[in-house]
Amino acid sequence: PIRQVITAELAPYAQDGENVLQLEGPEVELAPNDALSFGLALHELATN
């Protein structure tokens, strides 16, 4: 599920309570390679 990939990458920033994370969207399933690439993009955006 795309929500799990997003939640896994933003998990470190959702625990301190100082920031607001808004996640919204339907149930979408990603293929393995697409999930890896998408997760890597989210990691770069979250790190920046």
All heavy atoms as atom14 arrays in JSON, in Angstrom:
{
  "sequence": "PIRQVITAELAPYAQDGENVLQLEGPEVELAPNDALSFGLALHELATN",
  "atom14_mask": [
    [1, 1, 1, 1, 1, 1, 1, 0, 0, 0, 0, 0, 0, 0],
    [1, 1, 1, 1, 1, 1, 1, 1, 0, 0, 0, 0, 0, 0],
    [1, 1, 1, 1, 1, 1, 1, 1, 1, 1, 1, 0, 0, 0],
    [1, 1, 1, 1, 1, 1, 1, 1, 1, 0, 0, 0, 0, 0],
    [1, 1, 1, 1, 1, 1, 1, 0, 0, 0, 0, 0, 0, 0],
    [1, 1, 1, 1, 1, 1, 1, 1, 0, 0, 0, 0, 0, 0],
    [1, 1, 1, 1, 1, 1, 1, 0, 0, 0, 0, 0, 0, 0],
    [1, 1, 1, 1, 1, 0, 0, 0, 0, 0, 0, 0, 0, 0],
    [1, 1, 1, 1, 1, 1, 1, 1, 1, 0, 0, 0, 0, 0],
    [1, 1, 1, 1, 1, 1, 1, 1, 0, 0, 0, 0, 0, 0],
    [1, 1, 1, 1, 1, 0, 0, 0, 0, 0, 0, 0, 0, 0],
    [1, 1, 1, 1, 1, 1, 1, 0, 0, 0, 0, 0, 0, 0],
    [1, 1, 1, 1, 1, 1, 1, 1, 1, 1, 1, 1, 0, 0],
    [1, 1, 1, 1, 1, 0, 0, 0, 0, 0, 0, 0, 0, 0],
    [1, 1, 1, 1, 1, 1, 1, 1, 1, 0, 0, 0, 0, 0],
    [1, 1, 1, 1, 1, 1, 1, 1, 0, 0, 0, 0, 0, 0],
    [1, 1, 1, 1, 0, 0, 0, 0, 0, 0, 0, 0, 0, 0],
    [1, 1, 1, 1, 1, 1, 1, 1, 1, 0, 0, 0, 0, 0],
    [1, 1, 1, 1, 1, 1, 1, 1, 0, 0, 0, 0, 0, 0],
    [1, 1, 1, 1, 1, 1, 1, 0, 0, 0, 0, 0, 0, 0],
    [1, 1, 1, 1, 1, 1, 1, 1, 0, 0, 0, 0, 0, 0],
    [1, 1, 1, 1, 1, 1, 1, 1, 1, 0, 0, 0, 0, 0],
    [1, 1, 1, 1, 1, 1, 1, 1, 0, 0, 0, 0, 0, 0],
    [1, 1, 1, 1, 1, 1, 1, 1, 1, 0, 0, 0, 0, 0],
    [1, 1, 1, 1, 0, 0, 0, 0, 0, 0, 0, 0, 0, 0],
    [1, 1, 1, 1, 1, 1, 1, 0, 0, 0, 0, 0, 0, 0],
    [1, 1, 1, 1, 1, 1, 1, 1, 1, 0, 0, 0, 0, 0],
    [1, 1, 1, 1, 1, 1, 1, 0, 0, 0, 0, 0, 0, 0],
    [1, 1, 1, 1, 1, 1, 1, 1, 1, 0, 0, 0, 0, 0],
    [1, 1, 1, 1, 1, 1, 1, 1, 0, 0, 0, 0, 0, 0],
    [1, 1, 1, 1, 1, 0, 0, 0, 0, 0, 0, 0, 0, 0],
    [1, 1, 1, 1, 1, 1, 1, 0, 0, 0, 0, 0, 0, 0],
    [1, 1, 1, 1, 1, 1, 1, 1, 0, 0, 0, 0, 0, 0],
    [1, 1, 1, 1, 1, 1, 1, 1, 0, 0, 0, 0, 0, 0],
    [1, 1, 1, 1, 1, 0, 0, 0, 0, 0, 0, 0, 0, 0],
    [1, 1, 1, 1, 1, 1, 1, 1, 0, 0, 0, 0, 0, 0],
    [1, 1, 1, 1, 1, 1, 0, 0, 0, 0, 0, 0, 0, 0],
    [1, 1, 1, 1, 1, 1, 1, 1, 1, 1, 1, 0, 0, 0],
    [1, 1, 1, 1, 0, 0, 0, 0, 0, 0, 0, 0, 0, 0],
    [1, 1, 1, 1, 1, 1, 1, 1, 0, 0, 0, 0, 0, 0],
    [1, 1, 1, 1, 1, 0, 0, 0, 0, 0, 0, 0, 0, 0],
    [1, 1, 1, 1, 1, 1, 1, 1, 0, 0, 0, 0, 0, 0],
    [1, 1, 1, 1, 1, 1, 1, 1, 1, 1, 0, 0, 0, 0],
    [1, 1, 1, 1, 1, 1, 1, 1, 1, 0, 0, 0, 0, 0],
    [1, 1, 1, 1, 1, 1, 1, 1, 0, 0, 0, 0, 0, 0],
    [1, 1, 1, 1, 1, 0, 0, 0, 0, 0, 0, 0, 0, 0],
    [1, 1, 1, 1, 1, 1, 1, 0, 0, 0, 0, 0, 0, 0],
    [1, 1, 1, 1, 1, 1, 1, 1, 0, 0, 0, 0, 0, 0]
  ],
  "atom14_positions": [
    [[0.83, -1.21, 0.0], [0.0, 0.0, 0.0], [0.87, 1.26, 0.0], [1.88, 1.34, 0.71], [-0.81, -0.14, 1.28], [-0.81, -1.6, 1.6], [0.52, -2.09, 1.14], [0.0, 0.0, 0.0], [0.0, 0.0, 0.0], [0.0, 0.0, 0.0], [0.0, 0.0, 0.0], [0.0, 0.0, 0.0], [0.0, 0.0, 0.0], [0.0, 0.0, 0.0]],
    [[0.47, 2.23, -0.78], [1.24, 3.47, -0.88], [1.28, 4.21, 0.45], [2.28, 4.87, 0.78], [0.66, 4.36, -2.01], [1.64, 5.5, -2.34], [-0.72, 4.9, -1.62], [1.21, 6.27, -3.58], [0.0, 0.0, 0.0], [0.0, 0.0, 0.0], [0.0, 0.0, 0.0], [0.0, 0.0, 0.0], [0.0, 0.0, 0.0], [0.0, 0.0, 0.0]],
    [[0.22, 4.08, 1.24], [0.19, 4.75, 2.55], [1.28, 4.21, 3.46], [1.91, 4.96, 4.22], [-1.19, 4.59, 3.18], [-1.32, 5.27, 4.54], [-2.69, 5.02, 5.14], [-3.72, 5.74, 4.41], [-4.09, 7.01, 4.64], [-3.46, 7.71, 5.6], [-5.03, 7.57, 3.94], [0.0, 0.0, 0.0], [0.0, 0.0, 0.0], [0.0, 0.0, 0.0]],
    [[1.53, 2.9, 3.43], [2.57, 2.32, 4.29], [3.96, 2.83, 3.9], [4.8, 3.07, 4.77], [2.52, 0.79, 4.19], [1.31, 0.16, 4.85], [1.41, -1.35, 4.89], [2.45, -1.91, 4.58], [0.31, -2.0, 5.28], [0.0, 0.0, 0.0], [0.0, 0.0, 0.0], [0.0, 0.0, 0.0], [0.0, 0.0, 0.0], [0.0, 0.0, 0.0]],
    [[4.2, 2.98, 2.58], [5.51, 3.49, 2.15], [5.71, 4.92, 2.67], [6.79, 5.27, 3.2], [5.61, 3.45, 0.61], [6.95, 4.03, 0.15], [5.45, 2.02, 0.12], [0.0, 0.0, 0.0], [0.0, 0.0, 0.0], [0.0, 0.0, 0.0], [0.0, 0.0, 0.0], [0.0, 0.0, 0.0], [0.0, 0.0, 0.0], [0.0, 0.0, 0.0]],
    [[4.67, 5.75, 2.55], [4.78, 7.15, 3.01], [4.96, 7.19, 4.52], [5.8, 7.94, 5.05], [3.52, 7.93, 2.58], [3.43, 7.97, 1.05], [3.53, 9.34, 3.16], [2.13, 8.55, 0.53], [0.0, 0.0, 0.0], [0.0, 0.0, 0.0], [0.0, 0.0, 0.0], [0.0, 0.0, 0.0], [0.0, 0.0, 0.0], [0.0, 0.0, 0.0]],
    [[4.15, 6.37, 5.24], [4.24, 6.37, 6.7], [5.62, 5.92, 7.17], [6.17, 6.47, 8.13], [3.16, 5.44, 7.27], [1.88, 5.89, 6.84], [3.18, 5.43, 8.79], [0.0, 0.0, 0.0], [0.0, 0.0, 0.0], [0.0, 0.0, 0.0], [0.0, 0.0, 0.0], [0.0, 0.0, 0.0], [0.0, 0.0, 0.0], [0.0, 0.0, 0.0]],
    [[6.2, 4.9, 6.5], [7.52, 4.41, 6.91], [8.6, 5.48, 6.74], [9.5, 5.62, 7.58], [7.87, 3.16, 6.1], [0.0, 0.0, 0.0], [0.0, 0.0, 0.0], [0.0, 0.0, 0.0], [0.0, 0.0, 0.0], [0.0, 0.0, 0.0], [0.0, 0.0, 0.0], [0.0, 0.0, 0.0], [0.0, 0.0, 0.0], [0.0, 0.0, 0.0]],
    [[8.54, 6.26, 5.66], [9.57, 7.27, 5.42], [9.41, 8.5, 6.31], [10.41, 9.16, 6.67], [9.54, 7.69, 3.94], [9.88, 6.57, 2.97], [11.29, 6.04, 3.18], [12.13, 6.75, 3.76], [11.55, 4.88, 2.78], [0.0, 0.0, 0.0], [0.0, 0.0, 0.0], [0.0, 0.0, 0.0], [0.0, 0.0, 0.0], [0.0, 0.0, 0.0]],
    [[8.16, 8.83, 6.7], [7.93, 10.02, 7.53], [7.8, 9.7, 9.01], [7.53, 10.61, 9.81], [6.67, 10.74, 7.05], [6.71, 11.29, 5.61], [5.42, 12.0, 5.28], [7.89, 12.24, 5.42], [0.0, 0.0, 0.0], [0.0, 0.0, 0.0], [0.0, 0.0, 0.0], [0.0, 0.0, 0.0], [0.0, 0.0, 0.0], [0.0, 0.0, 0.0]],
    [[7.96, 8.42, 9.35], [7.79, 8.03, 10.75], [8.72, 8.78, 11.7], [8.28, 9.19, 12.79], [7.99, 6.51, 10.88], [0.0, 0.0, 0.0], [0.0, 0.0, 0.0], [0.0, 0.0, 0.0], [0.0, 0.0, 0.0], [0.0, 0.0, 0.0], [0.0, 0.0, 0.0], [0.0, 0.0, 0.0], [0.0, 0.0, 0.0], [0.0, 0.0, 0.0]],
    [[9.99, 9.01, 11.38], [10.86, 9.71, 12.33], [10.39, 11.13, 12.64], [10.67, 11.64, 13.74], [12.22, 9.72, 11.62], [12.16, 8.58, 10.67], [10.75, 8.53, 10.21], [0.0, 0.0, 0.0], [0.0, 0.0, 0.0], [0.0, 0.0, 0.0], [0.0, 0.0, 0.0], [0.0, 0.0, 0.0], [0.0, 0.0, 0.0], [0.0, 0.0, 0.0]],
    [[9.65, 11.78, 11.75], [9.24, 13.17, 11.93], [7.84, 13.29, 12.52], [7.4, 14.4, 12.84], [9.28, 13.89, 10.57], [10.57, 13.65, 9.83], [10.61, 12.79, 8.74], [11.76, 14.25, 10.26], [11.79, 12.53, 8.07], [12.95, 13.99, 9.58], [12.96, 13.14, 8.5], [14.13, 12.89, 7.84], [0.0, 0.0, 0.0], [0.0, 0.0, 0.0]],
    [[7.17, 12.12, 12.63], [5.82, 12.17, 13.21], [5.83, 11.9, 14.69], [4.8, 12.02, 15.35], [4.93, 11.15, 12.51], [0.0, 0.0, 0.0], [0.0, 0.0, 0.0], [0.0, 0.0, 0.0], [0.0, 0.0, 0.0], [0.0, 0.0, 0.0], [0.0, 0.0, 0.0], [0.0, 0.0, 0.0], [0.0, 0.0, 0.0], [0.0, 0.0, 0.0]],
    [[7.0, 11.58, 15.27], [7.06, 11.18, 16.67], [7.34, 12.34, 17.61], [6.99, 12.29, 18.79], [8.13, 10.1, 16.86], [7.82, 8.81, 16.11], [8.96, 7.8, 16.21], [9.98, 8.09, 16.82], [8.74, 6.63, 15.6], [0.0, 0.0, 0.0], [0.0, 0.0, 0.0], [0.0, 0.0, 0.0], [0.0, 0.0, 0.0], [0.0, 0.0, 0.0]],
    [[8.01, 13.41, 17.1], [8.36, 14.5, 18.02], [7.2, 15.44, 18.3], [7.23, 16.23, 19.25], [9.55, 15.29, 17.45], [9.27, 15.8, 16.03], [8.08, 15.76, 15.63], [10.23, 16.2, 15.34], [0.0, 0.0, 0.0], [0.0, 0.0, 0.0], [0.0, 0.0, 0.0], [0.0, 0.0, 0.0], [0.0, 0.0, 0.0], [0.0, 0.0, 0.0]],
    [[6.15, 15.45, 17.51], [4.96, 16.27, 17.76], [5.13, 17.73, 17.43], [4.22, 18.53, 17.67], [0.0, 0.0, 0.0], [0.0, 0.0, 0.0], [0.0, 0.0, 0.0], [0.0, 0.0, 0.0], [0.0, 0.0, 0.0], [0.0, 0.0, 0.0], [0.0, 0.0, 0.0], [0.0, 0.0, 0.0], [0.0, 0.0, 0.0], [0.0, 0.0, 0.0]],
    [[6.28, 18.12, 16.88], [6.5, 19.53, 16.57], [6.06, 19.9, 15.17], [5.94, 21.07, 14.83], [8.0, 19.87, 16.72], [8.5, 19.73, 18.15], [9.98, 20.08, 18.25], [10.59, 20.27, 17.18], [10.49, 20.16, 19.38], [0.0, 0.0, 0.0], [0.0, 0.0, 0.0], [0.0, 0.0, 0.0], [0.0, 0.0, 0.0], [0.0, 0.0, 0.0]],
    [[5.83, 18.9, 14.32], [5.45, 19.16, 12.95], [4.09, 18.51, 12.65], [3.65, 17.6, 13.35], [6.5, 18.6, 11.99], [7.89, 19.17, 12.27], [8.75, 18.48, 12.8], [8.11, 20.43, 11.93], [0.0, 0.0, 0.0], [0.0, 0.0, 0.0], [0.0, 0.0, 0.0], [0.0, 0.0, 0.0], [0.0, 0.0, 0.0], [0.0, 0.0, 0.0]],
    [[3.5, 18.97, 11.58], [2.19, 18.47, 11.17], [2.35, 17.72, 9.85], [2.86, 18.28, 8.88], [1.17, 19.62, 10.99], [-0.18, 19.05, 10.54], [1.03, 20.4, 12.3], [0.0, 0.0, 0.0], [0.0, 0.0, 0.0], [0.0, 0.0, 0.0], [0.0, 0.0, 0.0], [0.0, 0.0, 0.0], [0.0, 0.0, 0.0], [0.0, 0.0, 0.0]],
    [[1.92, 16.45, 9.87], [1.96, 15.61, 8.67], [0.53, 15.31, 8.24], [-0.26, 14.8, 9.03], [2.71, 14.31, 8.93], [4.16, 14.44, 9.41], [4.76, 13.06, 9.67], [5.0, 15.19, 8.36], [0.0, 0.0, 0.0], [0.0, 0.0, 0.0], [0.0, 0.0, 0.0], [0.0, 0.0, 0.0], [0.0, 0.0, 0.0], [0.0, 0.0, 0.0]],
    [[0.22, 15.6, 7.0], [-1.12, 15.35, 6.46], [-1.01, 14.32, 5.33], [-0.34, 14.57, 4.33], [-1.73, 16.66, 5.93], [-1.93, 17.71, 7.01], [-2.45, 19.02, 6.43], [-2.51, 19.19, 5.21], [-2.82, 19.95, 7.3], [0.0, 0.0, 0.0], [0.0, 0.0, 0.0], [0.0, 0.0, 0.0], [0.0, 0.0, 0.0], [0.0, 0.0, 0.0]],
    [[-1.64, 13.2, 5.55], [-1.65, 12.12, 4.56], [-3.1, 11.87, 4.12], [-3.98, 11.64, 4.94], [-1.07, 10.82, 5.12], [0.32, 10.92, 5.79], [0.75, 9.54, 6.27], [1.33, 11.48, 4.81], [0.0, 0.0, 0.0], [0.0, 0.0, 0.0], [0.0, 0.0, 0.0], [0.0, 0.0, 0.0], [0.0, 0.0, 0.0], [0.0, 0.0, 0.0]],
    [[-3.33, 11.86, 2.8], [-4.7, 11.74, 2.3], [-4.68, 11.11, 0.92], [-3.93, 11.54, 0.04], [-5.37, 13.11, 2.24], [-6.8, 13.07, 1.75], [-7.42, 14.47, 1.68], [-6.86, 15.41, 2.27], [-8.47, 14.59, 1.02], [0.0, 0.0, 0.0], [0.0, 0.0, 0.0], [0.0, 0.0, 0.0], [0.0, 0.0, 0.0], [0.0, 0.0, 0.0]],
    [[-5.52, 10.06, 0.76], [-5.6, 9.42, -0.54], [-6.28, 8.05, -0.47], [-6.45, 7.5, 0.62], [0.0, 0.0, 0.0], [0.0, 0.0, 0.0], [0.0, 0.0, 0.0], [0.0, 0.0, 0.0], [0.0, 0.0, 0.0], [0.0, 0.0, 0.0], [0.0, 0.0, 0.0], [0.0, 0.0, 0.0], [0.0, 0.0, 0.0], [0.0, 0.0, 0.0]],
    [[-6.68, 7.52, -1.6], [-7.36, 6.22, -1.63], [-6.36, 5.07, -1.46], [-5.16, 5.27, -1.42], [-8.0, 6.19, -3.02], [-7.06, 7.01, -3.85], [-6.56, 8.11, -2.96], [0.0, 0.0, 0.0], [0.0, 0.0, 0.0], [0.0, 0.0, 0.0], [0.0, 0.0, 0.0], [0.0, 0.0, 0.0], [0.0, 0.0, 0.0], [0.0, 0.0, 0.0]],
    [[-6.92, 3.88, -1.38], [-6.1, 2.67, -1.3], [-5.48, 2.4, -2.67], [-6.18, 2.22, -3.66], [-6.93, 1.47, -0.87], [-7.43, 1.53, 0.56], [-6.29, 1.44, 1.58], [-5.29, 0.77, 1.25], [-6.4, 2.05, 2.65], [0.0, 0.0, 0.0], [0.0, 0.0, 0.0], [0.0, 0.0, 0.0], [0.0, 0.0, 0.0], [0.0, 0.0, 0.0]],
    [[-4.15, 2.42, -2.69], [-3.42, 2.16, -3.93], [-2.3, 1.19, -3.59], [-1.57, 1.38, -2.62], [-2.85, 3.45, -4.54], [-2.04, 3.12, -5.79], [-3.97, 4.42, -4.88], [0.0, 0.0, 0.0], [0.0, 0.0, 0.0], [0.0, 0.0, 0.0], [0.0, 0.0, 0.0], [0.0, 0.0, 0.0], [0.0, 0.0, 0.0], [0.0, 0.0, 0.0]],
    [[-2.14, 0.14, -4.42], [-1.11, -0.86, -4.22], [0.0, -0.66, -5.24], [-0.27, -0.49, -6.44], [-1.69, -2.27, -4.37], [-2.83, -2.61, -3.41], [-2.32, -2.88, -2.0], [-1.13, -3.25, -1.88], [-3.09, -2.71, -1.04], [0.0, 0.0, 0.0], [0.0, 0.0, 0.0], [0.0, 0.0, 0.0], [0.0, 0.0, 0.0], [0.0, 0.0, 0.0]],
    [[1.25, -0.71, -4.74], [2.41, -0.49, -5.61], [3.18, -1.78, -5.8], [3.27, -2.61, -4.89], [3.34, 0.58, -5.01], [2.75, 1.97, -4.79], [3.81, 2.9, -4.22], [2.18, 2.55, -6.07], [0.0, 0.0, 0.0], [0.0, 0.0, 0.0], [0.0, 0.0, 0.0], [0.0, 0.0, 0.0], [0.0, 0.0, 0.0], [0.0, 0.0, 0.0]],
    [[3.77, -1.93, -7.0], [4.64, -3.06, -7.27], [5.95, -2.9, -6.5], [6.32, -1.79, -6.1], [4.91, -3.17, -8.77], [0.0, 0.0, 0.0], [0.0, 0.0, 0.0], [0.0, 0.0, 0.0], [0.0, 0.0, 0.0], [0.0, 0.0, 0.0], [0.0, 0.0, 0.0], [0.0, 0.0, 0.0], [0.0, 0.0, 0.0], [0.0, 0.0, 0.0]],
    [[6.72, -4.01, -6.28], [7.93, -3.92, -5.45], [8.94, -2.88, -5.94], [9.39, -2.03, -5.15], [8.49, -5.34, -5.52], [7.31, -6.21, -5.77], [6.41, -5.41, -6.64], [0.0, 0.0, 0.0], [0.0, 0.0, 0.0], [0.0, 0.0, 0.0], [0.0, 0.0, 0.0], [0.0, 0.0, 0.0], [0.0, 0.0, 0.0], [0.0, 0.0, 0.0]],
    [[9.33, -2.92, -7.22], [10.33, -1.97, -7.72], [9.83, -0.54, -7.65], [10.59, 0.4, -7.33], [10.72, -2.31, -9.16], [11.57, -3.57, -9.22], [12.17, -3.96, -8.23], [11.63, -4.18, -10.39], [0.0, 0.0, 0.0], [0.0, 0.0, 0.0], [0.0, 0.0, 0.0], [0.0, 0.0, 0.0], [0.0, 0.0, 0.0], [0.0, 0.0, 0.0]],
    [[8.54, -0.34, -7.94], [7.97, 1.01, -7.87], [7.94, 1.51, -6.43], [8.17, 2.71, -6.16], [6.57, 1.01, -8.45], [6.57, 0.61, -9.92], [7.59, 0.85, -10.59], [5.55, 0.05, -10.4], [0.0, 0.0, 0.0], [0.0, 0.0, 0.0], [0.0, 0.0, 0.0], [0.0, 0.0, 0.0], [0.0, 0.0, 0.0], [0.0, 0.0, 0.0]],
    [[7.67, 0.6, -5.47], [7.68, 1.0, -4.06], [9.08, 1.42, -3.61], [9.25, 2.39, -2.85], [7.16, -0.14, -3.2], [0.0, 0.0, 0.0], [0.0, 0.0, 0.0], [0.0, 0.0, 0.0], [0.0, 0.0, 0.0], [0.0, 0.0, 0.0], [0.0, 0.0, 0.0], [0.0, 0.0, 0.0], [0.0, 0.0, 0.0], [0.0, 0.0, 0.0]],
    [[10.13, 0.71, -4.09], [11.51, 1.08, -3.74], [11.85, 2.48, -4.26], [12.4, 3.33, -3.52], [12.48, 0.05, -4.31], [12.53, -1.32, -3.6], [13.4, -2.28, -4.4], [13.09, -1.16, -2.19], [0.0, 0.0, 0.0], [0.0, 0.0, 0.0], [0.0, 0.0, 0.0], [0.0, 0.0, 0.0], [0.0, 0.0, 0.0], [0.0, 0.0, 0.0]],
    [[11.54, 2.7, -5.51], [11.87, 4.01, -6.11], [11.07, 5.12, -5.46], [11.6, 6.21, -5.16], [11.6, 3.98, -7.62], [12.38, 2.98, -8.23], [0.0, 0.0, 0.0], [0.0, 0.0, 0.0], [0.0, 0.0, 0.0], [0.0, 0.0, 0.0], [0.0, 0.0, 0.0], [0.0, 0.0, 0.0], [0.0, 0.0, 0.0], [0.0, 0.0, 0.0]],
    [[9.78, 4.86, -5.21], [8.94, 5.87, -4.58], [9.42, 6.16, -3.16], [9.45, 7.31, -2.71], [7.49, 5.39, -4.58], [6.52, 6.35, -3.95], [6.29, 7.6, -4.5], [5.85, 6.02, -2.77], [5.38, 8.49, -3.91], [4.97, 6.9, -2.18], [4.73, 8.14, -2.75], [0.0, 0.0, 0.0], [0.0, 0.0, 0.0], [0.0, 0.0, 0.0]],
    [[9.79, 5.12, -2.43], [10.3, 5.32, -1.07], [11.59, 6.12, -1.05], [11.82, 6.95, -0.16], [0.0, 0.0, 0.0], [0.0, 0.0, 0.0], [0.0, 0.0, 0.0], [0.0, 0.0, 0.0], [0.0, 0.0, 0.0], [0.0, 0.0, 0.0], [0.0, 0.0, 0.0], [0.0, 0.0, 0.0], [0.0, 0.0, 0.0], [0.0, 0.0, 0.0]],
    [[12.44, 5.86, -2.05], [13.7, 6.62, -2.13], [13.43, 8.1, -2.39], [14.07, 8.98, -1.8], [14.58, 6.03, -3.23], [16.04, 6.51, -3.29], [16.74, 6.21, -1.97], [16.77, 5.86, -4.45], [0.0, 0.0, 0.0], [0.0, 0.0, 0.0], [0.0, 0.0, 0.0], [0.0, 0.0, 0.0], [0.0, 0.0, 0.0], [0.0, 0.0, 0.0]],
    [[12.45, 8.41, -3.26], [12.1, 9.8, -3.53], [11.56, 10.47, -2.28], [11.91, 11.63, -1.96], [11.06, 9.85, -4.66], [0.0, 0.0, 0.0], [0.0, 0.0, 0.0], [0.0, 0.0, 0.0], [0.0, 0.0, 0.0], [0.0, 0.0, 0.0], [0.0, 0.0, 0.0], [0.0, 0.0, 0.0], [0.0, 0.0, 0.0], [0.0, 0.0, 0.0]],
    [[10.69, 9.77, -1.53], [10.15, 10.35, -0.3], [11.24, 10.6, 0.73], [11.22, 11.6, 1.47], [9.08, 9.41, 0.29], [7.75, 9.31, -0.46], [6.83, 8.34, 0.25], [7.07, 10.69, -0.53], [0.0, 0.0, 0.0], [0.0, 0.0, 0.0], [0.0, 0.0, 0.0], [0.0, 0.0, 0.0], [0.0, 0.0, 0.0], [0.0, 0.0, 0.0]],
    [[12.22, 9.67, 0.79], [13.32, 9.86, 1.72], [14.09, 11.15, 1.4], [14.42, 11.93, 2.32], [14.27, 8.67, 1.66], [15.53, 8.88, 2.46], [15.57, 8.83, 3.83], [16.82, 9.16, 2.04], [16.81, 9.08, 4.23], [17.58, 9.27, 3.16], [0.0, 0.0, 0.0], [0.0, 0.0, 0.0], [0.0, 0.0, 0.0], [0.0, 0.0, 0.0]],
    [[14.34, 11.4, 0.12], [15.08, 12.6, -0.26], [14.28, 13.85, 0.05], [14.81, 14.86, 0.55], [15.43, 12.54, -1.75], [16.43, 11.46, -2.12], [17.75, 11.62, -1.37], [18.16, 12.77, -1.08], [18.37, 10.59, -1.04], [0.0, 0.0, 0.0], [0.0, 0.0, 0.0], [0.0, 0.0, 0.0], [0.0, 0.0, 0.0], [0.0, 0.0, 0.0]],
    [[12.95, 13.8, -0.22], [12.11, 14.97, 0.07], [12.04, 15.21, 1.58], [12.1, 16.36, 2.04], [10.71, 14.74, -0.5], [10.59, 14.75, -2.03], [9.19, 14.33, -2.45], [10.9, 16.16, -2.59], [0.0, 0.0, 0.0], [0.0, 0.0, 0.0], [0.0, 0.0, 0.0], [0.0, 0.0, 0.0], [0.0, 0.0, 0.0], [0.0, 0.0, 0.0]],
    [[11.9, 14.13, 2.37], [11.82, 14.29, 3.82], [13.14, 14.78, 4.4], [13.16, 15.63, 5.31], [11.41, 12.96, 4.45], [0.0, 0.0, 0.0], [0.0, 0.0, 0.0], [0.0, 0.0, 0.0], [0.0, 0.0, 0.0], [0.0, 0.0, 0.0], [0.0, 0.0, 0.0], [0.0, 0.0, 0.0], [0.0, 0.0, 0.0], [0.0, 0.0, 0.0]],
    [[14.26, 14.26, 3.88], [15.58, 14.69, 4.37], [15.79, 16.18, 4.07], [16.28, 16.96, 4.92], [16.68, 13.86, 3.72], [16.47, 12.48, 4.05], [18.04, 14.29, 4.22], [0.0, 0.0, 0.0], [0.0, 0.0, 0.0], [0.0, 0.0, 0.0], [0.0, 0.0, 0.0], [0.0, 0.0, 0.0], [0.0, 0.0, 0.0], [0.0, 0.0, 0.0]],
    [[15.42, 16.61, 2.85], [15.57, 18.02, 2.48], [14.67, 18.91, 3.34], [15.08, 19.99, 3.78], [15.21, 18.19, 1.0], [15.42, 19.62, 0.53], [16.55, 20.08, 0.37], [14.31, 20.35, 0.33], [0.0, 0.0, 0.0], [0.0, 0.0, 0.0], [0.0, 0.0, 0.0], [0.0, 0.0, 0.0], [0.0, 0.0, 0.0], [0.0, 0.0, 0.0]]
  ]
}
